N, C-alpha and C. Protein backbone atom coordinates (compact mmCIF):
# COMPACT_ATOMS: atom_id res chain seq x y z
N MET A 1 54.57 -26.48 -20.80
CA MET A 1 53.28 -26.38 -20.17
C MET A 1 52.46 -25.31 -20.86
N SER A 2 51.23 -25.58 -21.09
CA SER A 2 50.33 -24.64 -21.73
C SER A 2 50.01 -23.49 -20.78
N GLU A 3 49.83 -22.29 -21.35
CA GLU A 3 49.55 -21.13 -20.53
C GLU A 3 48.14 -21.14 -19.96
N ASP A 4 47.27 -22.04 -20.41
CA ASP A 4 45.92 -22.06 -19.87
C ASP A 4 45.81 -22.96 -18.64
N HIS A 5 46.93 -23.50 -18.15
CA HIS A 5 46.93 -24.30 -16.93
C HIS A 5 47.68 -23.53 -15.84
N LEU A 6 47.16 -23.59 -14.63
CA LEU A 6 47.81 -22.91 -13.52
C LEU A 6 48.90 -23.79 -12.93
N THR A 7 50.00 -23.16 -12.53
CA THR A 7 51.01 -23.88 -11.76
C THR A 7 50.45 -24.08 -10.35
N HIS A 8 51.10 -24.91 -9.60
CA HIS A 8 50.68 -25.14 -8.22
C HIS A 8 50.66 -23.83 -7.43
N CYS A 9 51.70 -23.01 -7.58
CA CYS A 9 51.79 -21.74 -6.84
C CYS A 9 50.73 -20.75 -7.30
N GLN A 10 50.48 -20.66 -8.60
CA GLN A 10 49.43 -19.77 -9.10
C GLN A 10 48.08 -20.18 -8.54
N ASP A 11 47.81 -21.48 -8.54
CA ASP A 11 46.56 -22.00 -8.00
C ASP A 11 46.43 -21.67 -6.52
N TRP A 12 47.51 -21.84 -5.78
CA TRP A 12 47.51 -21.56 -4.34
C TRP A 12 47.23 -20.08 -4.08
N ILE A 13 47.88 -19.20 -4.83
CA ILE A 13 47.67 -17.76 -4.65
C ILE A 13 46.23 -17.39 -5.01
N LEU A 14 45.73 -17.89 -6.13
CA LEU A 14 44.36 -17.56 -6.56
C LEU A 14 43.33 -18.08 -5.56
N THR A 15 43.48 -19.30 -5.12
CA THR A 15 42.55 -19.88 -4.15
C THR A 15 42.60 -19.09 -2.84
N SER A 16 43.79 -18.71 -2.41
CA SER A 16 43.95 -17.94 -1.18
C SER A 16 43.34 -16.55 -1.32
N LEU A 17 43.52 -15.94 -2.47
CA LEU A 17 42.93 -14.62 -2.72
C LEU A 17 41.41 -14.70 -2.59
N CYS A 18 40.82 -15.72 -3.17
CA CYS A 18 39.36 -15.90 -3.10
C CYS A 18 38.91 -16.17 -1.67
N ARG A 19 39.71 -16.90 -0.91
CA ARG A 19 39.33 -17.25 0.46
C ARG A 19 39.50 -16.07 1.42
N PHE A 20 40.64 -15.38 1.34
CA PHE A 20 40.92 -14.32 2.31
C PHE A 20 40.27 -12.99 1.96
N SER A 21 39.96 -12.78 0.71
CA SER A 21 39.40 -11.50 0.30
C SER A 21 38.37 -11.70 -0.81
N PRO A 22 37.25 -12.32 -0.49
CA PRO A 22 36.29 -12.67 -1.54
C PRO A 22 35.56 -11.48 -2.17
N THR A 23 35.45 -10.37 -1.46
CA THR A 23 34.66 -9.25 -2.01
C THR A 23 35.42 -7.94 -2.10
N THR A 24 36.55 -7.83 -1.45
CA THR A 24 37.29 -6.58 -1.47
C THR A 24 38.74 -6.83 -1.89
N PRO A 25 39.38 -5.84 -2.48
CA PRO A 25 40.79 -6.00 -2.87
C PRO A 25 41.68 -6.15 -1.63
N ILE A 26 42.80 -6.82 -1.81
CA ILE A 26 43.78 -7.01 -0.74
C ILE A 26 45.15 -6.65 -1.29
N THR A 27 45.96 -6.00 -0.48
CA THR A 27 47.30 -5.62 -0.92
C THR A 27 48.22 -6.84 -0.90
N THR A 28 49.30 -6.74 -1.63
CA THR A 28 50.27 -7.83 -1.67
C THR A 28 50.83 -8.15 -0.28
N PRO A 29 51.27 -7.13 0.49
CA PRO A 29 51.80 -7.46 1.82
C PRO A 29 50.77 -8.14 2.72
N ASP A 30 49.51 -7.72 2.63
CA ASP A 30 48.48 -8.35 3.46
C ASP A 30 48.26 -9.81 3.07
N LEU A 31 48.18 -10.07 1.77
CA LEU A 31 47.99 -11.45 1.32
C LEU A 31 49.21 -12.30 1.66
N ALA A 32 50.39 -11.78 1.40
CA ALA A 32 51.62 -12.53 1.69
C ALA A 32 51.72 -12.83 3.19
N SER A 33 51.33 -11.89 4.02
CA SER A 33 51.36 -12.10 5.46
C SER A 33 50.42 -13.23 5.87
N LYS A 34 49.23 -13.25 5.31
CA LYS A 34 48.27 -14.31 5.63
C LYS A 34 48.78 -15.68 5.19
N LEU A 35 49.60 -15.70 4.15
CA LEU A 35 50.13 -16.95 3.61
C LEU A 35 51.51 -17.31 4.17
N SER A 36 52.10 -16.39 4.96
CA SER A 36 53.49 -16.56 5.42
C SER A 36 54.39 -16.81 4.22
N HIS A 37 54.25 -15.93 3.22
CA HIS A 37 54.95 -16.09 1.95
C HIS A 37 55.67 -14.79 1.62
N SER A 38 56.65 -14.86 0.76
CA SER A 38 57.40 -13.69 0.33
C SER A 38 56.50 -12.70 -0.42
N VAL A 39 56.60 -11.43 -0.07
CA VAL A 39 55.83 -10.39 -0.75
C VAL A 39 56.21 -10.34 -2.23
N VAL A 40 57.49 -10.42 -2.51
CA VAL A 40 57.97 -10.33 -3.89
C VAL A 40 57.43 -11.49 -4.73
N ARG A 41 57.53 -12.71 -4.21
CA ARG A 41 57.04 -13.88 -4.96
C ARG A 41 55.52 -13.85 -5.09
N THR A 42 54.82 -13.41 -4.04
CA THR A 42 53.36 -13.30 -4.10
C THR A 42 52.96 -12.35 -5.22
N GLU A 43 53.65 -11.22 -5.32
CA GLU A 43 53.32 -10.25 -6.36
C GLU A 43 53.61 -10.80 -7.75
N VAL A 44 54.68 -11.56 -7.89
CA VAL A 44 55.00 -12.18 -9.19
C VAL A 44 53.84 -13.07 -9.63
N TYR A 45 53.36 -13.92 -8.72
CA TYR A 45 52.26 -14.81 -9.08
C TYR A 45 50.98 -14.03 -9.36
N LEU A 46 50.72 -12.99 -8.58
CA LEU A 46 49.53 -12.17 -8.82
C LEU A 46 49.60 -11.51 -10.21
N GLU A 47 50.77 -11.01 -10.58
CA GLU A 47 50.93 -10.39 -11.90
C GLU A 47 50.72 -11.42 -13.01
N GLN A 48 51.19 -12.65 -12.80
CA GLN A 48 50.95 -13.70 -13.78
C GLN A 48 49.46 -13.99 -13.92
N LEU A 49 48.75 -13.98 -12.80
CA LEU A 49 47.31 -14.23 -12.82
C LEU A 49 46.56 -13.08 -13.49
N VAL A 50 47.07 -11.86 -13.38
CA VAL A 50 46.48 -10.71 -14.09
C VAL A 50 46.62 -10.94 -15.59
N GLU A 51 47.81 -11.35 -16.02
CA GLU A 51 48.05 -11.60 -17.44
C GLU A 51 47.13 -12.69 -17.98
N MET A 52 46.74 -13.62 -17.12
CA MET A 52 45.85 -14.71 -17.52
C MET A 52 44.38 -14.30 -17.46
N GLY A 53 44.12 -13.10 -16.92
CA GLY A 53 42.74 -12.61 -16.83
C GLY A 53 41.98 -13.13 -15.62
N LEU A 54 42.69 -13.72 -14.66
CA LEU A 54 42.04 -14.31 -13.49
C LEU A 54 42.00 -13.38 -12.28
N VAL A 55 42.85 -12.37 -12.30
CA VAL A 55 42.94 -11.42 -11.19
C VAL A 55 42.97 -10.02 -11.77
N ARG A 56 42.37 -9.08 -11.04
CA ARG A 56 42.40 -7.67 -11.44
C ARG A 56 43.17 -6.89 -10.39
N VAL A 57 43.85 -5.86 -10.83
CA VAL A 57 44.56 -4.98 -9.90
C VAL A 57 43.84 -3.63 -9.89
N GLN A 58 43.72 -3.06 -8.71
CA GLN A 58 43.21 -1.70 -8.59
C GLN A 58 44.00 -1.04 -7.47
N HIS A 59 43.98 0.27 -7.44
CA HIS A 59 44.79 0.97 -6.45
C HIS A 59 43.92 1.42 -5.29
N VAL A 60 44.39 1.11 -4.09
CA VAL A 60 43.73 1.51 -2.86
C VAL A 60 44.74 2.35 -2.08
N SER A 61 44.41 3.61 -1.88
CA SER A 61 45.32 4.55 -1.22
C SER A 61 46.68 4.59 -1.91
N GLY A 62 46.68 4.52 -3.24
CA GLY A 62 47.90 4.60 -4.03
C GLY A 62 48.70 3.31 -4.10
N GLU A 63 48.25 2.27 -3.42
CA GLU A 63 48.97 1.00 -3.41
C GLU A 63 48.18 -0.03 -4.22
N PRO A 64 48.87 -0.88 -5.00
CA PRO A 64 48.14 -1.90 -5.74
C PRO A 64 47.44 -2.87 -4.79
N ALA A 65 46.22 -3.19 -5.13
CA ALA A 65 45.45 -4.19 -4.38
C ALA A 65 44.82 -5.13 -5.41
N TRP A 66 44.61 -6.34 -5.02
CA TRP A 66 44.25 -7.40 -5.94
C TRP A 66 42.89 -7.97 -5.60
N ARG A 67 42.16 -8.35 -6.61
CA ARG A 67 40.91 -9.08 -6.42
C ARG A 67 40.72 -9.99 -7.61
N GLN A 68 39.99 -11.05 -7.40
CA GLN A 68 39.77 -11.99 -8.49
C GLN A 68 38.82 -11.39 -9.51
N SER A 69 39.03 -11.76 -10.76
CA SER A 69 38.08 -11.39 -11.80
C SER A 69 36.93 -12.39 -11.70
N SER A 70 35.91 -12.21 -12.50
CA SER A 70 34.81 -13.18 -12.45
C SER A 70 35.30 -14.58 -12.82
N GLU A 71 36.24 -14.69 -13.76
CA GLU A 71 36.79 -16.00 -14.11
C GLU A 71 37.64 -16.54 -12.97
N GLY A 72 38.39 -15.67 -12.32
CA GLY A 72 39.21 -16.10 -11.18
C GLY A 72 38.36 -16.55 -10.02
N LEU A 73 37.25 -15.87 -9.81
CA LEU A 73 36.34 -16.24 -8.72
C LEU A 73 35.80 -17.64 -8.96
N THR A 74 35.39 -17.91 -10.19
CA THR A 74 34.87 -19.23 -10.52
C THR A 74 35.92 -20.31 -10.31
N ILE A 75 37.11 -20.09 -10.82
CA ILE A 75 38.18 -21.08 -10.69
C ILE A 75 38.60 -21.22 -9.24
N GLY A 76 38.77 -20.11 -8.55
CA GLY A 76 39.24 -20.14 -7.16
C GLY A 76 38.27 -20.79 -6.20
N THR A 77 36.98 -20.66 -6.44
CA THR A 77 36.03 -21.24 -5.52
C THR A 77 35.72 -22.70 -5.86
N VAL A 78 35.99 -23.10 -7.07
CA VAL A 78 35.73 -24.49 -7.48
C VAL A 78 36.88 -25.38 -7.05
N VAL A 79 38.09 -24.85 -7.08
CA VAL A 79 39.29 -25.65 -6.77
C VAL A 79 39.24 -26.13 -5.33
């Protein structure tokens, strides 16, 4: 599979990130809780999306928090 295509799980995480936190960063536990998904697996997919340039990480109160990049916003809202 080409790296420029999202897996089903990556797409789900990106779309959910755009839906649940369109303007502010969200922590991994908060996003995973909203999805009823594993925190560890959610973070793995988020890190993959960072490597693809679709998600950005920033620290909020010393904890990583995630938000879509402009490219991620476009893809996440179109899907």
